[in-house]
Structures are given as C-alpha cells and as structure tokens.
C-alpha cells in the first residue's frame, strides 16, 4: 500500500486509505486553499461566504433568496444571517414582490456593486496564486471535474 506520509518533526504519519479518498482529498484541498487565500489576502473586506453570495446576487439580480441559498448549498437559516449582515452594511437589499409576499428577492446596492469591483479583481488574483502549482490545462481540467462533481454542466469551450 502506497500511503501518503506526512512529515512530522518526530515521526511519519500515515493516512491509510484516506490518501485515495476523493471526498477526503476534496476537503483537505478546500482547507489548504482557504489557508492560502487568507495568507494572501488577510484584510479581505468580505468573508468568502459574503463574497460568493454577493457575486451570485449581482449575477442574478432579483433572484429569490431561497433559490440562491439552494444554488450555493447554504442552509436557509445561515442564508438569512448572511443576507441580514450584508443588508445591514448597505451592500444588498431585500425586496418583497407584490405578487408573492412570502418570497424575498435580492439585489446588490450601488455600494455593493462598488465593493464587488474590488472583490472580483482580488478574487481572480487569489485564484491564480492558490492554484499556481497547476498548469493552465490542469486548472481547466480541475474546474471541469469540480463542476461535474457539483452536478453543474460543463463550461462551453470558449468560456474556459
């Protein structure tokens, strides 16, 4: 068995079969990328969750809050907290449509759009740095595989 060994100051640790576990490796890769992101950009104006939510809302203005929560796999109770926090900071607004008083539509404010301009530039640079060990082709392959695992369609060739 070719277990991945992790160097420790006093001994080598084995992960056994976990070194072949896709779900485990996805989680470790996520943690490693988050550590790298925070090391590269410790003064981010928004958390990664807030950035993701605000970008999704900007790309889909007037989307229903529950629909966005489902797309991003955010629990509805957590979504409510995230939305409230961004609303309190003046970055997004909630709108109740007159034809469905049970729904909440989300849209970025002008301040939210200004914040997103800076966030998007930083996000692209962080993504490049965090995945610097991959070639362009490997990055495209990784994105394609992650989209497949997420149940999302493949990107068109020209969008890669």
N, C-alpha and C. Protein backbone atom coordinates (compact mmCIF):
# COMPACT_ATOMS: atom_id res chain seq x y z
N UNK A 1 0.85 -1.17 0.00
CA UNK A 1 0.00 0.00 0.00
C UNK A 1 0.89 1.24 0.00
N UNK A 2 0.61 2.19 -0.93
CA UNK A 2 1.38 3.41 -1.06
C UNK A 2 0.71 4.54 -0.28
N UNK A 3 0.71 4.48 1.02
CA UNK A 3 0.07 5.52 1.81
C UNK A 3 0.88 6.81 1.71
N UNK A 4 0.16 7.93 1.63
CA UNK A 4 0.83 9.23 1.65
C UNK A 4 1.32 9.45 3.06
N UNK A 5 2.58 9.75 3.22
CA UNK A 5 3.13 10.02 4.54
C UNK A 5 3.33 11.50 4.73
N UNK A 6 2.96 11.99 5.87
CA UNK A 6 3.10 13.40 6.20
C UNK A 6 4.27 13.54 7.14
N UNK A 7 5.24 14.38 6.75
CA UNK A 7 6.43 14.55 7.59
C UNK A 7 6.03 15.24 8.89
N UNK A 8 6.45 14.67 9.96
CA UNK A 8 6.24 15.23 11.30
C UNK A 8 7.63 15.40 11.88
N UNK A 9 7.82 16.29 12.79
CA UNK A 9 9.17 16.53 13.31
C UNK A 9 9.75 15.29 13.96
N UNK A 10 8.93 14.42 14.51
CA UNK A 10 9.46 13.24 15.20
C UNK A 10 9.15 11.92 14.52
N UNK A 11 8.11 11.89 13.67
CA UNK A 11 7.73 10.62 13.05
C UNK A 11 6.98 10.90 11.75
N UNK A 12 6.69 9.86 11.01
CA UNK A 12 5.89 9.99 9.80
C UNK A 12 4.53 9.38 10.07
N UNK A 13 3.50 10.11 9.68
CA UNK A 13 2.14 9.66 9.88
C UNK A 13 1.57 9.12 8.58
N UNK A 14 0.79 8.09 8.68
CA UNK A 14 0.14 7.51 7.52
C UNK A 14 -1.35 7.81 7.57
N UNK A 15 -1.94 8.04 6.42
CA UNK A 15 -3.38 8.26 6.33
C UNK A 15 -4.10 7.01 5.82
N UNK A 16 -3.38 5.94 5.62
CA UNK A 16 -4.01 4.71 5.16
C UNK A 16 -4.76 4.92 3.86
N UNK A 17 -5.98 4.45 3.79
CA UNK A 17 -6.78 4.55 2.57
C UNK A 17 -7.27 5.97 2.28
N UNK A 18 -7.15 6.86 3.26
CA UNK A 18 -7.62 8.23 3.02
C UNK A 18 -6.85 8.91 1.89
N UNK A 19 -5.62 8.46 1.63
CA UNK A 19 -4.84 9.10 0.56
C UNK A 19 -5.42 8.83 -0.83
N UNK A 20 -6.42 7.95 -0.91
CA UNK A 20 -7.11 7.66 -2.17
C UNK A 20 -8.58 8.07 -2.12
N UNK A 21 -8.99 8.68 -1.03
CA UNK A 21 -10.40 9.07 -0.84
C UNK A 21 -10.65 10.43 -1.46
N UNK A 22 -11.45 10.46 -2.52
CA UNK A 22 -11.74 11.72 -3.20
C UNK A 22 -12.41 12.72 -2.27
N UNK A 23 -13.37 12.27 -1.46
CA UNK A 23 -14.06 13.21 -0.58
C UNK A 23 -13.11 13.78 0.47
N UNK A 24 -12.23 12.95 1.01
CA UNK A 24 -11.25 13.43 1.98
C UNK A 24 -10.29 14.42 1.32
N UNK A 25 -9.79 14.08 0.14
CA UNK A 25 -8.85 14.95 -0.55
C UNK A 25 -9.50 16.28 -0.97
N UNK A 26 -10.79 16.24 -1.35
CA UNK A 26 -11.50 17.48 -1.65
C UNK A 26 -11.54 18.39 -0.42
N UNK A 27 -11.82 17.79 0.74
CA UNK A 27 -11.88 18.57 1.98
C UNK A 27 -10.51 19.14 2.34
N UNK A 28 -9.46 18.35 2.23
CA UNK A 28 -8.12 18.83 2.54
C UNK A 28 -7.71 19.92 1.54
N UNK A 29 -8.04 19.74 0.26
CA UNK A 29 -7.74 20.75 -0.74
C UNK A 29 -8.49 22.05 -0.44
N UNK A 30 -9.74 21.93 0.00
CA UNK A 30 -10.51 23.12 0.37
C UNK A 30 -9.84 23.85 1.52
N UNK A 31 -9.47 23.12 2.56
CA UNK A 31 -8.82 23.74 3.71
C UNK A 31 -7.49 24.39 3.32
N UNK A 32 -6.71 23.70 2.50
CA UNK A 32 -5.42 24.24 2.07
C UNK A 32 -5.61 25.50 1.23
N UNK A 33 -6.62 25.49 0.36
CA UNK A 33 -6.84 26.68 -0.47
C UNK A 33 -7.33 27.85 0.37
N UNK A 34 -8.19 27.60 1.36
CA UNK A 34 -8.65 28.68 2.25
C UNK A 34 -7.48 29.25 3.04
N UNK A 35 -6.60 28.39 3.52
CA UNK A 35 -5.42 28.89 4.24
C UNK A 35 -4.58 29.77 3.34
N UNK A 36 -4.40 29.36 2.10
CA UNK A 36 -3.62 30.15 1.15
C UNK A 36 -4.31 31.47 0.83
N UNK A 37 -5.62 31.43 0.67
CA UNK A 37 -6.37 32.65 0.38
C UNK A 37 -6.21 33.66 1.50
N UNK A 38 -6.39 33.21 2.74
CA UNK A 38 -6.28 34.13 3.87
C UNK A 38 -4.86 34.62 4.07
N UNK A 39 -3.88 33.80 3.74
CA UNK A 39 -2.48 34.24 3.83
C UNK A 39 -2.18 35.31 2.77
N UNK A 40 -2.76 35.15 1.58
CA UNK A 40 -2.53 36.11 0.50
C UNK A 40 -3.29 37.42 0.71
N UNK A 41 -4.46 37.33 1.33
CA UNK A 41 -5.35 38.50 1.41
C UNK A 41 -6.00 38.56 2.80
N UNK A 42 -5.19 38.81 3.85
CA UNK A 42 -5.74 38.77 5.22
C UNK A 42 -6.71 39.90 5.53
N UNK A 43 -6.69 40.97 4.75
CA UNK A 43 -7.58 42.11 5.03
C UNK A 43 -8.76 42.17 4.07
N UNK A 44 -9.28 41.02 3.71
CA UNK A 44 -10.43 40.97 2.81
C UNK A 44 -11.60 41.74 3.43
N UNK A 45 -12.28 42.57 2.63
CA UNK A 45 -13.40 43.33 3.17
C UNK A 45 -14.65 42.49 3.43
N UNK A 46 -14.71 41.33 2.80
CA UNK A 46 -15.85 40.42 2.95
C UNK A 46 -15.32 39.01 3.18
N UNK A 47 -16.07 38.23 3.94
CA UNK A 47 -15.71 36.82 4.10
C UNK A 47 -15.92 36.12 2.76
N UNK A 48 -15.38 34.92 2.61
CA UNK A 48 -15.57 34.17 1.36
C UNK A 48 -17.05 33.88 1.12
N UNK A 49 -17.78 33.59 2.17
CA UNK A 49 -19.23 33.35 2.03
C UNK A 49 -19.95 34.60 1.57
N UNK A 50 -19.58 35.74 2.15
CA UNK A 50 -20.21 37.00 1.75
C UNK A 50 -19.86 37.34 0.30
N UNK A 51 -18.60 37.13 -0.08
CA UNK A 51 -18.19 37.40 -1.46
C UNK A 51 -18.99 36.55 -2.43
N UNK A 52 -19.07 35.26 -2.13
CA UNK A 52 -19.78 34.33 -3.01
C UNK A 52 -21.23 34.74 -3.15
N UNK A 53 -21.86 35.05 -2.03
CA UNK A 53 -23.27 35.43 -2.05
C UNK A 53 -23.48 36.72 -2.84
N UNK A 54 -22.66 37.71 -2.58
CA UNK A 54 -22.83 39.00 -3.27
C UNK A 54 -22.58 38.86 -4.77
N UNK A 55 -21.60 38.06 -5.15
CA UNK A 55 -21.36 37.82 -6.58
C UNK A 55 -22.56 37.12 -7.21
N UNK A 56 -23.09 36.09 -6.54
CA UNK A 56 -24.25 35.37 -7.07
C UNK A 56 -25.45 36.29 -7.23
N UNK A 57 -25.64 37.19 -6.27
CA UNK A 57 -26.76 38.13 -6.34
C UNK A 57 -26.54 39.14 -7.46
N UNK A 58 -25.32 39.61 -7.60
CA UNK A 58 -25.01 40.56 -8.67
C UNK A 58 -25.23 39.92 -10.04
N UNK A 59 -24.86 38.66 -10.17
CA UNK A 59 -25.04 37.95 -11.44
C UNK A 59 -26.51 37.60 -11.70
N UNK A 60 -27.31 37.57 -10.63
CA UNK A 60 -28.72 37.17 -10.74
C UNK A 60 -29.60 38.12 -9.94
N UNK A 61 -29.63 39.42 -10.32
CA UNK A 61 -30.43 40.36 -9.54
C UNK A 61 -31.89 39.94 -9.54
N UNK A 62 -32.50 40.15 -8.40
CA UNK A 62 -33.91 39.81 -8.17
C UNK A 62 -34.16 38.30 -8.13
N UNK A 63 -33.10 37.53 -7.90
CA UNK A 63 -33.29 36.09 -7.67
C UNK A 63 -33.90 35.91 -6.28
N UNK A 64 -34.65 34.88 -6.11
CA UNK A 64 -35.26 34.60 -4.81
C UNK A 64 -34.19 34.11 -3.85
N UNK A 65 -34.31 34.55 -2.61
CA UNK A 65 -33.33 34.20 -1.59
C UNK A 65 -33.17 32.70 -1.45
N UNK A 66 -34.26 31.96 -1.44
CA UNK A 66 -34.20 30.51 -1.30
C UNK A 66 -33.53 29.83 -2.50
N UNK A 67 -33.74 30.37 -3.68
CA UNK A 67 -33.13 29.81 -4.88
C UNK A 67 -31.61 29.98 -4.83
N UNK A 68 -31.16 31.16 -4.40
CA UNK A 68 -29.72 31.41 -4.29
C UNK A 68 -29.13 30.52 -3.20
N UNK A 69 -29.83 30.38 -2.08
CA UNK A 69 -29.36 29.51 -1.00
C UNK A 69 -29.19 28.08 -1.50
N UNK A 70 -30.16 27.60 -2.25
CA UNK A 70 -30.09 26.24 -2.79
C UNK A 70 -28.93 26.09 -3.77
N UNK A 71 -28.74 27.06 -4.64
CA UNK A 71 -27.65 27.02 -5.62
C UNK A 71 -26.29 26.93 -4.93
N UNK A 72 -26.12 27.71 -3.85
CA UNK A 72 -24.84 27.77 -3.16
C UNK A 72 -24.72 26.76 -2.01
N UNK A 73 -25.75 25.93 -1.84
CA UNK A 73 -25.77 24.92 -0.78
C UNK A 73 -25.60 25.56 0.60
N UNK A 74 -26.32 26.66 0.81
CA UNK A 74 -26.30 27.35 2.09
C UNK A 74 -27.61 27.03 2.80
N UNK A 75 -27.53 26.60 4.05
CA UNK A 75 -28.75 26.35 4.83
C UNK A 75 -29.54 27.65 4.88
N UNK A 76 -30.87 27.53 4.82
CA UNK A 76 -31.71 28.71 4.76
C UNK A 76 -31.51 29.60 5.99
N UNK A 77 -31.30 29.00 7.16
CA UNK A 77 -31.10 29.81 8.36
C UNK A 77 -29.78 30.58 8.28
N UNK A 78 -28.73 29.95 7.74
CA UNK A 78 -27.46 30.64 7.55
C UNK A 78 -27.57 31.72 6.47
N UNK A 79 -28.36 31.44 5.45
CA UNK A 79 -28.57 32.40 4.37
C UNK A 79 -29.22 33.67 4.93
N UNK A 80 -30.19 33.49 5.79
CA UNK A 80 -30.87 34.65 6.38
C UNK A 80 -29.87 35.52 7.15
N UNK A 81 -28.97 34.89 7.89
CA UNK A 81 -27.96 35.64 8.64
C UNK A 81 -27.00 36.37 7.70
N UNK A 82 -26.55 35.68 6.66
CA UNK A 82 -25.65 36.30 5.68
C UNK A 82 -26.31 37.50 5.01
N UNK A 83 -27.54 37.31 4.57
CA UNK A 83 -28.28 38.38 3.88
C UNK A 83 -28.48 39.56 4.84
N UNK A 84 -28.87 39.27 6.06
CA UNK A 84 -29.08 40.34 7.04
C UNK A 84 -27.80 41.15 7.25
N UNK A 85 -26.68 40.45 7.39
CA UNK A 85 -25.40 41.13 7.60
C UNK A 85 -25.02 42.02 6.43
N UNK A 86 -25.20 41.52 5.20
CA UNK A 86 -24.87 42.32 4.02
C UNK A 86 -25.85 43.49 3.87
N UNK A 87 -27.09 43.26 4.25
CA UNK A 87 -28.08 44.33 4.18
C UNK A 87 -27.76 45.42 5.20
N UNK A 88 -27.38 45.03 6.41
CA UNK A 88 -27.02 46.00 7.44
C UNK A 88 -25.82 46.84 7.04
N UNK A 89 -24.93 46.27 6.25
CA UNK A 89 -23.75 47.00 5.77
C UNK A 89 -24.04 47.81 4.51
N UNK A 90 -25.28 47.75 4.03
CA UNK A 90 -25.68 48.53 2.86
C UNK A 90 -25.20 47.96 1.54
N UNK A 91 -24.91 46.65 1.51
CA UNK A 91 -24.36 46.04 0.30
C UNK A 91 -25.40 45.32 -0.55
N UNK A 92 -26.53 44.98 0.05
CA UNK A 92 -27.62 44.39 -0.72
C UNK A 92 -28.93 44.80 -0.10
N UNK A 93 -29.97 44.62 -0.89
CA UNK A 93 -31.31 44.92 -0.39
C UNK A 93 -32.23 43.75 -0.66
N UNK A 94 -33.17 43.60 0.26
CA UNK A 94 -34.21 42.59 0.12
C UNK A 94 -35.48 43.28 -0.36
N UNK A 95 -36.15 42.66 -1.32
CA UNK A 95 -37.37 43.22 -1.86
C UNK A 95 -38.44 42.12 -1.82
N UNK A 96 -39.60 42.47 -1.28
CA UNK A 96 -40.72 41.52 -1.26
C UNK A 96 -41.59 41.85 -2.46
N UNK A 97 -41.72 40.90 -3.41
CA UNK A 97 -42.52 41.19 -4.60
C UNK A 97 -44.01 41.27 -4.25
N UNK A 98 -44.72 42.19 -4.88
CA UNK A 98 -46.14 42.36 -4.55
C UNK A 98 -47.00 41.14 -4.91
N UNK A 99 -46.56 40.34 -5.88
CA UNK A 99 -47.35 39.18 -6.30
C UNK A 99 -47.09 37.93 -5.46
N UNK A 100 -46.08 37.95 -4.59
CA UNK A 100 -45.79 36.80 -3.73
C UNK A 100 -45.14 37.31 -2.45
N UNK A 101 -45.94 37.64 -1.47
CA UNK A 101 -45.47 38.24 -0.23
C UNK A 101 -44.61 37.29 0.61
N UNK A 102 -44.58 36.00 0.25
CA UNK A 102 -43.76 35.04 1.01
C UNK A 102 -42.34 34.99 0.50
N UNK A 103 -42.10 35.53 -0.67
CA UNK A 103 -40.77 35.48 -1.28
C UNK A 103 -39.96 36.72 -0.92
N UNK A 104 -38.66 36.56 -1.02
CA UNK A 104 -37.74 37.68 -0.85
C UNK A 104 -36.79 37.66 -2.05
N UNK A 105 -36.72 38.78 -2.75
CA UNK A 105 -35.81 38.93 -3.88
C UNK A 105 -34.59 39.71 -3.39
N UNK A 106 -33.44 39.39 -3.94
CA UNK A 106 -32.20 40.02 -3.52
C UNK A 106 -31.59 40.79 -4.68
N UNK A 107 -31.04 41.95 -4.36
CA UNK A 107 -30.30 42.72 -5.36
C UNK A 107 -29.20 43.52 -4.68
N UNK A 108 -28.07 43.66 -5.37
CA UNK A 108 -26.98 44.44 -4.78
C UNK A 108 -27.32 45.93 -4.80
N UNK A 109 -26.85 46.65 -3.82
CA UNK A 109 -26.98 48.10 -3.83
C UNK A 109 -25.84 48.68 -4.66
N UNK A 110 -25.87 49.98 -4.88
CA UNK A 110 -24.76 50.62 -5.60
C UNK A 110 -23.46 50.42 -4.82
N UNK A 111 -23.53 50.54 -3.48
CA UNK A 111 -22.34 50.31 -2.66
C UNK A 111 -21.87 48.86 -2.79
N UNK A 112 -22.81 47.92 -2.84
CA UNK A 112 -22.45 46.51 -3.02
C UNK A 112 -21.76 46.28 -4.35
N UNK A 113 -22.22 46.95 -5.39
CA UNK A 113 -21.58 46.81 -6.71
C UNK A 113 -20.17 47.39 -6.69
N UNK A 114 -19.99 48.52 -6.01
CA UNK A 114 -18.64 49.10 -5.91
C UNK A 114 -17.71 48.15 -5.15
N UNK A 115 -18.21 47.56 -4.07
CA UNK A 115 -17.40 46.62 -3.29
C UNK A 115 -17.03 45.42 -4.16
N UNK A 116 -17.96 44.97 -4.98
CA UNK A 116 -17.72 43.80 -5.83
C UNK A 116 -16.63 44.05 -6.88
N UNK A 117 -16.51 45.26 -7.36
CA UNK A 117 -15.46 45.56 -8.34
C UNK A 117 -14.09 45.22 -7.76
N UNK A 118 -13.85 45.66 -6.54
CA UNK A 118 -12.57 45.38 -5.88
C UNK A 118 -12.45 43.90 -5.53
N UNK A 119 -13.53 43.32 -5.04
CA UNK A 119 -13.51 41.92 -4.62
C UNK A 119 -13.22 41.00 -5.80
N UNK A 120 -13.84 41.26 -6.94
CA UNK A 120 -13.64 40.39 -8.10
C UNK A 120 -12.20 40.42 -8.58
N UNK A 121 -11.59 41.59 -8.61
CA UNK A 121 -10.18 41.67 -9.01
C UNK A 121 -9.30 40.88 -8.04
N UNK A 122 -9.54 41.04 -6.76
CA UNK A 122 -8.75 40.32 -5.75
C UNK A 122 -9.00 38.82 -5.85
N UNK A 123 -10.26 38.44 -6.10
CA UNK A 123 -10.62 37.02 -6.16
C UNK A 123 -9.90 36.34 -7.31
N UNK A 124 -9.85 36.99 -8.47
CA UNK A 124 -9.17 36.40 -9.62
C UNK A 124 -7.67 36.21 -9.34
N UNK A 125 -7.07 37.22 -8.73
CA UNK A 125 -5.64 37.14 -8.41
C UNK A 125 -5.39 36.04 -7.38
N UNK A 126 -6.24 35.94 -6.38
CA UNK A 126 -6.08 34.89 -5.36
C UNK A 126 -6.21 33.52 -5.99
N UNK A 127 -7.19 33.36 -6.88
CA UNK A 127 -7.41 32.07 -7.52
C UNK A 127 -6.17 31.65 -8.30
N UNK A 128 -5.59 32.58 -9.03
CA UNK A 128 -4.35 32.30 -9.78
C UNK A 128 -3.24 31.87 -8.83
N UNK A 129 -3.06 32.59 -7.72
CA UNK A 129 -1.98 32.29 -6.78
C UNK A 129 -2.20 30.97 -6.05
N UNK A 130 -3.42 30.71 -5.64
CA UNK A 130 -3.71 29.49 -4.88
C UNK A 130 -3.49 28.25 -5.73
N UNK A 131 -3.74 28.37 -7.02
CA UNK A 131 -3.58 27.23 -7.93
C UNK A 131 -2.34 27.37 -8.81
N UNK A 132 -1.37 28.12 -8.34
CA UNK A 132 -0.15 28.37 -9.13
C UNK A 132 0.62 27.10 -9.45
N UNK A 133 0.44 26.05 -8.67
CA UNK A 133 1.17 24.81 -8.92
C UNK A 133 0.59 24.04 -10.11
N UNK A 134 -0.55 24.49 -10.64
CA UNK A 134 -1.19 23.82 -11.77
C UNK A 134 -0.93 24.58 -13.05
N UNK A 135 -0.77 23.84 -14.13
CA UNK A 135 -0.68 24.48 -15.44
C UNK A 135 -2.08 24.96 -15.83
N UNK A 136 -2.15 25.75 -16.87
CA UNK A 136 -3.45 26.24 -17.35
C UNK A 136 -4.37 25.08 -17.71
N UNK A 137 -3.82 24.07 -18.37
CA UNK A 137 -4.62 22.90 -18.76
C UNK A 137 -5.10 22.13 -17.53
N UNK A 138 -4.22 22.01 -16.54
CA UNK A 138 -4.61 21.31 -15.30
C UNK A 138 -5.70 22.08 -14.56
N UNK A 139 -5.59 23.40 -14.55
CA UNK A 139 -6.60 24.23 -13.89
C UNK A 139 -7.94 24.06 -14.59
N UNK A 140 -7.93 24.08 -15.91
CA UNK A 140 -9.17 23.87 -16.66
C UNK A 140 -9.76 22.50 -16.38
N UNK A 141 -8.90 21.50 -16.31
CA UNK A 141 -9.37 20.15 -16.02
C UNK A 141 -9.96 20.08 -14.61
N UNK A 142 -9.28 20.70 -13.64
CA UNK A 142 -9.79 20.71 -12.27
C UNK A 142 -11.15 21.39 -12.20
N UNK A 143 -11.28 22.54 -12.82
CA UNK A 143 -12.56 23.25 -12.81
C UNK A 143 -13.64 22.38 -13.46
N UNK A 144 -13.31 21.75 -14.57
CA UNK A 144 -14.28 20.87 -15.23
C UNK A 144 -14.71 19.71 -14.35
N UNK A 145 -13.75 19.08 -13.68
CA UNK A 145 -14.08 17.96 -12.80
C UNK A 145 -14.89 18.42 -11.59
N UNK A 146 -14.53 19.55 -11.02
CA UNK A 146 -15.28 20.06 -9.86
C UNK A 146 -16.71 20.43 -10.26
N UNK A 147 -16.89 21.01 -11.44
CA UNK A 147 -18.24 21.32 -11.92
C UNK A 147 -19.04 20.03 -12.08
N UNK A 148 -18.40 18.99 -12.58
CA UNK A 148 -19.08 17.70 -12.76
C UNK A 148 -19.50 17.12 -11.41
N UNK A 149 -18.59 17.16 -10.43
CA UNK A 149 -18.90 16.66 -9.08
C UNK A 149 -20.04 17.47 -8.47
N UNK A 150 -20.05 18.77 -8.73
CA UNK A 150 -21.09 19.64 -8.19
C UNK A 150 -22.43 19.43 -8.88
N UNK A 151 -22.43 18.69 -10.01
CA UNK A 151 -23.68 18.48 -10.74
C UNK A 151 -24.01 19.62 -11.68
N UNK A 152 -23.00 20.44 -12.01
CA UNK A 152 -23.18 21.56 -12.91
C UNK A 152 -22.75 21.17 -14.32
N UNK A 153 -23.31 21.81 -15.33
CA UNK A 153 -22.91 21.48 -16.71
C UNK A 153 -21.48 21.94 -16.99
N UNK A 154 -20.89 21.32 -17.99
CA UNK A 154 -19.55 21.72 -18.42
C UNK A 154 -19.62 23.12 -19.01
N UNK A 155 -18.51 23.85 -18.88
CA UNK A 155 -18.43 25.17 -19.48
C UNK A 155 -18.27 25.03 -20.99
N UNK A 156 -18.80 25.96 -21.74
CA UNK A 156 -18.55 25.94 -23.19
C UNK A 156 -17.05 26.10 -23.43
N UNK A 157 -16.56 25.57 -24.50
CA UNK A 157 -15.13 25.60 -24.82
C UNK A 157 -14.57 27.03 -24.79
N UNK A 158 -15.30 27.98 -25.33
CA UNK A 158 -14.80 29.36 -25.39
C UNK A 158 -14.77 30.04 -24.01
N UNK A 159 -15.48 29.51 -23.03
CA UNK A 159 -15.52 30.11 -21.69
C UNK A 159 -14.40 29.60 -20.79
N UNK A 160 -13.68 28.59 -21.24
CA UNK A 160 -12.62 28.02 -20.40
C UNK A 160 -11.41 28.79 -20.54
